[in-house]
C-alpha cells in the first residue's frame, strides 16, 4: 500500500467518525451527596450509523446524552474523559462555541414533546426560530423552511399546522414537530431520548421508520436512548447496554440479541414479550432494585441483583472481555465460563 493510499484511507476513516466518548466520568451533587451518574462510559459512532443506549431508568442513559449536548445541570460535574465530535473535544469549547454546534451540528429530540414545545408559540414560530438561529434564513425564508421540514417529517397540511399550537396536535404529530426542529439545520448527529415514549404502537413504528429514512437521506449518525430493546431491534446497528452508569455490554444488534454475555443483558431480553411463540411464556422480571449510585458497589454494579452472582463479583470490578469484533461485556461469570470451556473442564 502506497503512502498516498494510506493517507487517503486514514482520512476516510477520520471523516466517517462522528463521535467518540472516551472513558467519560461524571457526577451530580444533590442534598444526599454525590451521585456517580456516569462511570467510564466509552463508545464510538460513525456517520450513517445508529447506536442504541438501553437500560432501566436511572442507568445513566439520559445523563450521557445531555453530557454530549453540554446540557447538564449546574450541580453536575464532568470529572474526566473526552467527548470527541468531528475531531474536537466538546469539553474544551466555550459556551459560545458550543451554542454554534448545538442545534446546527448536534441536535436532540427530547423525551416529552408536550413539555419541550412552548405552549404559547405556534408550531411555525418555533420551527422558524430554530432555522433563524443557526442559518442565514430569516423572516419568510425561515417560514418557508419550516413548511418544508413539516413536509419532510410527513405532516399533512403543513400550512395549517404552522399556525396551530402544540395542544392542538396529537402526540405523534408533536413528536414529528420535535424531529422537524431537530433536523432544521441537517445536523451530523441526532440524539433521540425516548422518542417513542407514550405513543401507540402504530405511531411508534411510523416515527422509527421516519428516523431511518432521514438517516439515509442526510447521512447523519443517530444515538437512540431507550429502555425498550424491542424498539431498537430493527433500527440500530450497535447497542450499548448501560447499568449503574457503566456500559456493561456493547456490540452489534445481532451480538446483543443472539449472543448476549452479561446477565443484565439476558435479563432485559427475557423481559421482551414473545408474541410469535405458540405458548406464551410468562415474562421474567429482574429481581431487586437499581443500585444506589450515591454509594455504588465495589465490584460489579449488577451483582446484588444477579441470580448467578459469585463472591468475587461483589469485590472485583470486571474488565472488558471481547468476544469478536466490537462485542465486549464486563462479566466475571462469563469470563469464568469461557475459561472453563477453553480449558476443557466443562461448564461451571
Protein backbone atom coordinates (compact mmCIF):
# COMPACT_ATOMS: atom_id res chain seq x y z
CA UNK A 1 0.00 0.00 0.00
CA UNK A 2 1.48 3.36 -1.07
CA UNK A 3 1.85 6.34 1.30
CA UNK A 4 -0.81 8.25 -0.67
CA UNK A 5 -3.23 5.32 -0.33
CA UNK A 6 -2.54 5.15 3.40
CA UNK A 7 -3.16 8.89 3.70
CA UNK A 8 -6.47 8.62 1.81
CA UNK A 9 -7.59 5.63 3.86
CA UNK A 10 -6.79 7.31 7.19
CA UNK A 11 -8.64 10.46 6.07
CA UNK A 12 -11.68 8.38 5.05
CA UNK A 13 -11.73 6.66 8.45
CA UNK A 14 -11.41 10.00 10.21
CA UNK A 15 -14.19 11.57 8.15
CA UNK A 16 -16.55 8.68 8.96
CA UNK A 17 -16.08 9.07 12.71
CA UNK A 18 -18.84 11.23 14.09
CA UNK A 19 -18.43 10.88 17.86
CA UNK A 20 -16.03 9.27 20.33
CA UNK A 21 -16.90 9.01 24.02
CA UNK A 22 -13.64 8.17 25.84
CA UNK A 23 -13.69 6.87 29.46
CA UNK A 24 -16.22 9.53 30.37
CA UNK A 25 -16.98 10.03 34.07
CA UNK A 26 -19.47 12.43 35.61
CA UNK A 27 -21.23 13.06 38.90
CA UNK A 28 -24.20 15.03 40.20
CA UNK A 29 -24.27 16.75 43.58
CA UNK A 30 -27.58 16.67 45.48
CA UNK A 31 -28.76 17.09 49.07
CA UNK A 32 -27.81 13.49 49.92
CA UNK A 33 -24.31 13.56 48.48
CA UNK A 34 -22.51 12.87 45.19
CA UNK A 35 -24.28 10.66 42.65
CA UNK A 36 -21.77 8.88 40.40
CA UNK A 37 -24.06 9.05 37.37
CA UNK A 38 -21.54 8.14 34.62
CA UNK A 39 -18.65 5.78 35.34
CA UNK A 40 -16.18 5.30 32.48
CA UNK A 41 -18.57 5.37 29.50
CA UNK A 42 -16.74 4.54 26.26
CA UNK A 43 -18.21 4.24 22.74
CA UNK A 44 -17.77 5.37 19.14
CA UNK A 45 -20.26 6.29 16.42
CA UNK A 46 -19.73 6.70 12.66
CA UNK A 47 -21.74 8.76 10.20
CA UNK A 48 -24.80 6.95 8.91
CA UNK A 49 -24.88 4.54 11.87
CA UNK A 50 -27.37 4.21 14.71
CA UNK A 51 -26.34 3.39 18.26
CA UNK A 52 -28.92 2.45 20.88
CA UNK A 53 -28.17 3.05 24.55
CA UNK A 54 -30.53 0.84 26.54
CA UNK A 55 -31.12 0.17 30.21
CA UNK A 56 -33.55 0.72 33.06
CA UNK A 57 -34.49 4.17 34.31
CA UNK A 58 -31.62 5.60 36.33
CA UNK A 59 -28.89 3.70 34.50
CA UNK A 60 -27.27 6.89 33.15
CA UNK A 61 -28.63 6.98 29.58
CA UNK A 62 -30.10 10.49 29.60
CA UNK A 63 -27.19 11.97 31.57
CA UNK A 64 -24.81 10.55 28.94
CA UNK A 65 -26.79 12.14 26.10
CA UNK A 66 -27.13 15.50 27.85
CA UNK A 67 -23.39 15.48 28.56
CA UNK A 68 -22.76 15.34 24.80
CA UNK A 69 -25.01 18.37 24.33
CA UNK A 70 -23.44 20.15 27.35
CA UNK A 71 -26.94 20.50 28.84
CA UNK A 72 -26.24 19.11 32.31
CA UNK A 73 -27.47 20.99 35.36
CA UNK A 74 -25.14 23.25 37.33
CA UNK A 75 -24.90 20.59 40.03
CA UNK A 76 -23.36 18.14 37.53
CA UNK A 77 -19.59 17.82 37.11
CA UNK A 78 -17.64 16.12 34.32
CA UNK A 79 -14.75 14.59 36.22
CA UNK A 80 -12.66 13.10 33.41
CA UNK A 81 -12.75 11.73 29.89
CA UNK A 82 -13.19 13.12 26.39
CA UNK A 83 -16.13 13.81 24.05
CA UNK A 84 -14.58 13.92 20.58
CA UNK A 85 -17.03 15.27 17.99
CA UNK A 86 -15.69 15.57 14.43
CA UNK A 87 -12.14 15.96 15.73
CA UNK A 88 -12.76 18.44 18.55
CA UNK A 89 -13.26 17.81 22.27
CA UNK A 90 -16.62 19.32 23.27
CA UNK A 91 -15.46 19.60 26.87
CA UNK A 92 -12.89 22.23 25.91
CA UNK A 93 -15.23 24.52 23.98
CA UNK A 94 -16.56 27.78 25.39
CA UNK A 95 -20.30 28.27 25.89
CA UNK A 96 -20.44 30.48 22.79
CA UNK A 97 -18.63 27.88 20.66
CA UNK A 98 -20.96 25.17 21.97
CA UNK A 99 -24.02 27.26 21.11
CA UNK A 100 -22.93 27.26 17.46
CA UNK A 101 -22.61 23.45 17.43
CA UNK A 102 -25.76 22.73 19.45
CA UNK A 103 -28.70 22.69 17.05
CA UNK A 104 -26.66 23.13 13.86
CA UNK A 105 -24.33 20.09 14.09
CA UNK A 106 -25.72 18.16 17.06
CA UNK A 107 -29.46 18.08 17.66
CA UNK A 108 -31.63 16.36 20.24
CA UNK A 109 -35.19 15.06 20.33
CA UNK A 110 -36.29 15.35 23.94
CA UNK A 111 -38.36 12.82 25.84
CA UNK A 112 -41.71 14.59 26.16
CA UNK A 113 -42.73 16.86 23.26
CA UNK A 114 -45.60 18.39 25.23
CA UNK A 115 -43.22 19.85 27.82
CA UNK A 116 -40.43 20.57 25.32
CA UNK A 117 -42.55 22.70 22.98
CA UNK A 118 -43.56 26.23 24.01
CA UNK A 119 -47.33 26.13 24.66
CA UNK A 120 -47.88 29.83 23.77
CA UNK A 121 -45.97 29.83 20.48
CA UNK A 122 -47.31 28.46 17.23
CA UNK A 123 -45.59 25.48 15.65
CA UNK A 124 -44.43 27.70 12.77
CA UNK A 125 -42.76 30.22 15.07
CA UNK A 126 -40.92 27.51 16.99
CA UNK A 127 -39.50 25.82 13.90
CA UNK A 128 -38.69 29.17 12.24
CA UNK A 129 -36.79 30.25 15.38
CA UNK A 130 -34.55 27.17 15.15
CA UNK A 131 -33.91 27.91 11.48
CA UNK A 132 -33.17 31.62 12.09
CA UNK A 133 -30.76 30.94 14.97
CA UNK A 134 -28.47 28.62 13.04
CA UNK A 135 -28.79 29.66 9.37
CA UNK A 136 -28.91 32.88 7.36
CA UNK A 137 -32.61 32.35 6.61
CA UNK A 138 -34.84 34.95 8.26
CA UNK A 139 -38.48 36.00 8.06
CA UNK A 140 -40.34 34.47 5.12
CA UNK A 141 -37.36 32.28 4.15
CA UNK A 142 -37.33 30.74 7.64
CA UNK A 143 -41.10 30.26 7.47
CA UNK A 144 -40.81 28.52 4.09
CA UNK A 145 -38.08 26.27 5.52
CA UNK A 146 -40.40 25.43 8.45
CA UNK A 147 -43.06 24.33 5.97
CA UNK A 148 -40.51 22.18 4.10
CA UNK A 149 -39.49 20.49 7.37
CA UNK A 150 -43.10 19.63 8.26
CA UNK A 151 -43.48 18.06 4.82
CA UNK A 152 -40.20 16.20 5.33
CA UNK A 153 -41.43 14.56 8.56
CA UNK A 154 -44.73 13.56 6.96
CA UNK A 155 -47.20 16.04 8.47
CA UNK A 156 -50.26 16.68 6.29
CA UNK A 157 -51.49 20.21 5.59
CA UNK A 158 -48.23 21.86 6.74
CA UNK A 159 -49.51 25.40 6.08
CA UNK A 160 -52.37 24.80 8.52
CA UNK A 161 -50.13 23.15 11.15
CA UNK A 162 -47.72 26.11 11.15
CA UNK A 163 -50.50 28.28 12.61
CA UNK A 164 -51.51 25.78 15.30
CA UNK A 165 -50.33 25.45 18.91
CA UNK A 166 -48.84 22.28 20.46
CA UNK A 167 -52.05 21.36 22.35
CA UNK A 168 -53.94 21.23 19.04
CA UNK A 169 -51.77 18.37 17.73
CA UNK A 170 -51.78 14.67 18.57
CA UNK A 171 -48.86 13.05 20.42
CA UNK A 172 -47.48 11.59 17.18
CA UNK A 173 -47.66 14.96 15.41
CA UNK A 174 -45.93 16.75 18.30
CA UNK A 175 -43.14 14.20 18.16
CA UNK A 176 -42.80 14.79 14.41
CA UNK A 177 -42.59 18.54 15.09
CA UNK A 178 -39.75 17.88 17.56
CA UNK A 179 -37.96 15.88 14.86
CA UNK A 180 -38.54 18.72 12.38
CA UNK A 181 -36.95 21.23 14.79
CA UNK A 182 -34.01 18.88 15.39
CA UNK A 183 -33.47 18.50 11.64
CA UNK A 184 -33.80 22.21 10.87
CA UNK A 185 -30.07 22.54 10.14
CA UNK A 186 -29.43 18.98 8.94
CA UNK A 187 -27.18 18.00 11.88
CA UNK A 188 -24.37 15.47 11.66
CA UNK A 189 -25.50 13.84 14.93
CA UNK A 190 -29.06 13.33 16.17
CA UNK A 191 -29.72 12.26 19.77
CA UNK A 192 -33.21 10.81 20.33
CA UNK A 193 -34.13 10.47 24.01
CA UNK A 194 -37.04 8.02 24.28
CA UNK A 195 -38.59 9.32 21.02
CA UNK A 196 -41.49 6.83 21.10
CA UNK A 197 -42.48 7.15 24.79
CA UNK A 198 -46.26 7.37 25.35
CA UNK A 199 -47.01 6.75 21.67
CA UNK A 200 -49.17 3.88 20.47
CA UNK A 201 -47.54 1.02 18.57
CA UNK A 202 -48.60 2.26 15.13
CA UNK A 203 -47.23 5.77 15.70
CA UNK A 204 -44.05 4.28 17.22
CA UNK A 205 -43.42 2.35 14.02
CA UNK A 206 -44.02 5.47 11.92
CA UNK A 207 -41.59 7.58 13.98
CA UNK A 208 -38.86 4.91 13.83
CA UNK A 209 -39.37 4.44 10.08
CA UNK A 210 -39.17 8.21 9.59
CA UNK A 211 -35.88 8.40 11.50
CA UNK A 212 -34.45 5.59 9.37
CA UNK A 213 -35.43 7.35 6.16
CA UNK A 214 -33.94 10.67 7.31
CA UNK A 215 -30.72 8.96 8.41
CA UNK A 216 -30.25 7.52 4.92
CA UNK A 217 -31.18 10.80 3.24
CA UNK A 218 -28.96 13.06 5.39
CA UNK A 219 -26.20 10.55 6.28
CA UNK A 220 -26.23 11.53 9.94
CA UNK A 221 -25.35 9.44 12.98
CA UNK A 222 -28.13 8.69 15.48
CA UNK A 223 -27.95 7.88 19.18
CA UNK A 224 -31.20 6.32 20.37
CA UNK A 225 -31.83 6.43 24.13
CA UNK A 226 -34.42 3.86 25.25
CA UNK A 227 -35.28 1.26 27.88
CA UNK A 228 -37.03 -0.95 25.31
CA UNK A 229 -34.80 -3.41 23.43
CA UNK A 230 -37.71 -4.39 21.21
CA UNK A 231 -37.93 -0.86 19.76
CA UNK A 232 -34.33 -0.87 18.52
CA UNK A 233 -34.15 -4.43 17.16
CA UNK A 234 -34.70 -3.49 13.53
CA UNK A 235 -33.35 0.05 13.58
CA UNK A 236 -29.94 0.11 15.25
CA UNK A 237 -26.51 -1.02 14.08
CA UNK A 238 -24.99 -1.16 17.57
CA UNK A 239 -26.32 -1.44 21.11
CA UNK A 240 -24.72 -0.26 24.36
CA UNK A 241 -26.33 -1.78 27.45
CA UNK A 242 -25.99 0.56 30.45
CA UNK A 243 -26.36 -0.26 34.12
CA UNK A 244 -25.32 1.79 37.15
CA UNK A 245 -23.65 4.44 34.99
CA UNK A 246 -21.50 1.93 33.07
CA UNK A 247 -21.71 0.20 29.70
CA UNK A 248 -21.82 -3.44 30.80
CA UNK A 249 -22.12 -4.85 27.27
CA UNK A 250 -21.57 -3.45 23.80
CA UNK A 251 -21.88 -4.97 20.35
CA UNK A 252 -23.77 -5.13 17.09
CA UNK A 253 -27.51 -5.68 17.27
CA UNK A 254 -27.01 -9.35 16.33
CA UNK A 255 -24.36 -9.74 19.05
CA UNK A 256 -26.72 -8.45 21.74
CA UNK A 257 -29.84 -10.29 20.62
CA UNK A 258 -28.34 -13.64 19.61
CA UNK A 259 -25.21 -13.90 21.73
CA UNK A 260 -25.71 -11.89 24.95
CA UNK A 261 -22.94 -12.30 27.53
CA UNK A 262 -23.85 -10.15 30.53
CA UNK A 263 -26.53 -11.36 32.95
CA UNK A 264 -28.20 -7.95 32.88
CA UNK A 265 -28.50 -8.05 29.09
CA UNK A 266 -30.02 -11.53 29.32
CA UNK A 267 -32.50 -10.22 31.88
CA UNK A 268 -33.57 -7.38 29.58
CA UNK A 269 -34.06 -9.81 26.70
CA UNK A 270 -36.18 -12.12 28.87
CA UNK A 271 -38.47 -9.18 29.60
CA UNK A 272 -39.43 -8.71 25.92
CA UNK A 273 -42.91 -10.17 25.14
CA UNK A 274 -42.60 -13.02 22.60
CA UNK A 275 -45.85 -12.90 20.65
CA UNK A 276 -44.51 -15.14 17.88
CA UNK A 277 -44.37 -18.19 20.16
CA UNK A 278 -47.35 -20.58 20.31
CA UNK A 279 -47.24 -20.97 24.06
CA UNK A 280 -46.86 -17.52 25.55
CA UNK A 281 -44.30 -17.73 28.32
CA UNK A 282 -44.56 -15.62 31.45
CA UNK A 283 -42.30 -12.56 31.46
CA UNK A 284 -39.37 -12.91 33.83
CA UNK A 285 -38.68 -9.68 35.74
CA UNK A 286 -35.25 -8.70 37.04
CA UNK A 287 -35.43 -9.02 40.83
CA UNK A 288 -34.28 -6.29 43.18
CA UNK A 289 -33.90 -2.53 42.79
CA UNK A 290 -31.43 -0.46 40.73
CA UNK A 291 -28.17 0.24 42.53
CA UNK A 292 -27.75 3.37 44.67
CA UNK A 293 -25.19 5.50 42.80
CA UNK A 294 -24.57 7.57 45.92
CA UNK A 295 -22.68 4.52 47.15
CA UNK A 296 -22.05 2.21 44.16
CA UNK A 297 -20.86 -1.37 44.75
CA UNK A 298 -17.14 -2.10 44.89
CA UNK A 299 -17.41 -4.88 42.31
CA UNK A 300 -19.93 -5.46 39.52
CA UNK A 301 -22.81 -2.98 39.74
CA UNK A 302 -25.33 -5.69 38.87
CA UNK A 303 -24.01 -8.23 41.41
CA UNK A 304 -26.61 -7.51 44.15
CA UNK A 305 -29.43 -8.37 41.72
CA UNK A 306 -27.73 -11.17 39.78
CA UNK A 307 -29.10 -14.68 40.40
CA UNK A 308 -25.76 -16.17 39.30
CA UNK A 309 -23.59 -13.83 41.38
CA UNK A 310 -20.29 -15.24 42.66
CA UNK A 311 -18.49 -13.93 45.73
CA UNK A 312 -15.79 -12.33 43.59
CA UNK A 313 -18.44 -10.33 41.70
CA UNK A 314 -19.11 -8.33 44.87
CA UNK A 315 -15.44 -7.48 45.38
CA UNK A 316 -13.79 -7.12 41.96
CA UNK A 317 -14.86 -4.75 39.21
CA UNK A 318 -14.89 -6.70 35.91
CA UNK A 319 -12.81 -5.53 32.96
CA UNK A 320 -13.88 -5.63 29.32
CA UNK A 321 -13.77 -9.09 27.77
CA UNK A 322 -14.02 -9.20 23.95
CA UNK A 323 -15.94 -11.86 22.02
CA UNK A 324 -15.05 -10.98 18.44
CA UNK A 325 -15.22 -7.67 16.61
CA UNK A 326 -16.51 -4.83 18.77
CA UNK A 327 -18.53 -7.11 21.06
CA UNK A 328 -17.49 -6.94 24.71
CA UNK A 329 -19.01 -7.45 28.15
CA UNK A 330 -17.97 -6.75 31.73
CA UNK A 331 -18.97 -10.02 33.45
CA UNK A 332 -16.78 -12.20 35.67
CA UNK A 333 -19.22 -15.13 35.45
CA UNK A 334 -18.95 -15.17 31.67
CA UNK A 335 -15.16 -14.93 31.88
CA UNK A 336 -15.14 -17.93 34.22
CA UNK A 337 -17.39 -19.93 31.89
CA UNK A 338 -15.16 -19.07 28.93
CA UNK A 339 -12.05 -20.12 30.87
CA UNK A 340 -13.54 -23.48 31.89
CA UNK A 341 -14.79 -24.11 28.37
CA UNK A 342 -11.42 -23.33 26.79
CA UNK A 343 -9.54 -25.42 29.36
CA UNK A 344 -11.77 -28.43 28.67
CA UNK A 345 -13.21 -28.62 32.19
CA UNK A 346 -16.82 -28.26 31.11
CA UNK A 347 -19.47 -25.90 32.46
CA UNK A 348 -19.42 -24.04 35.74
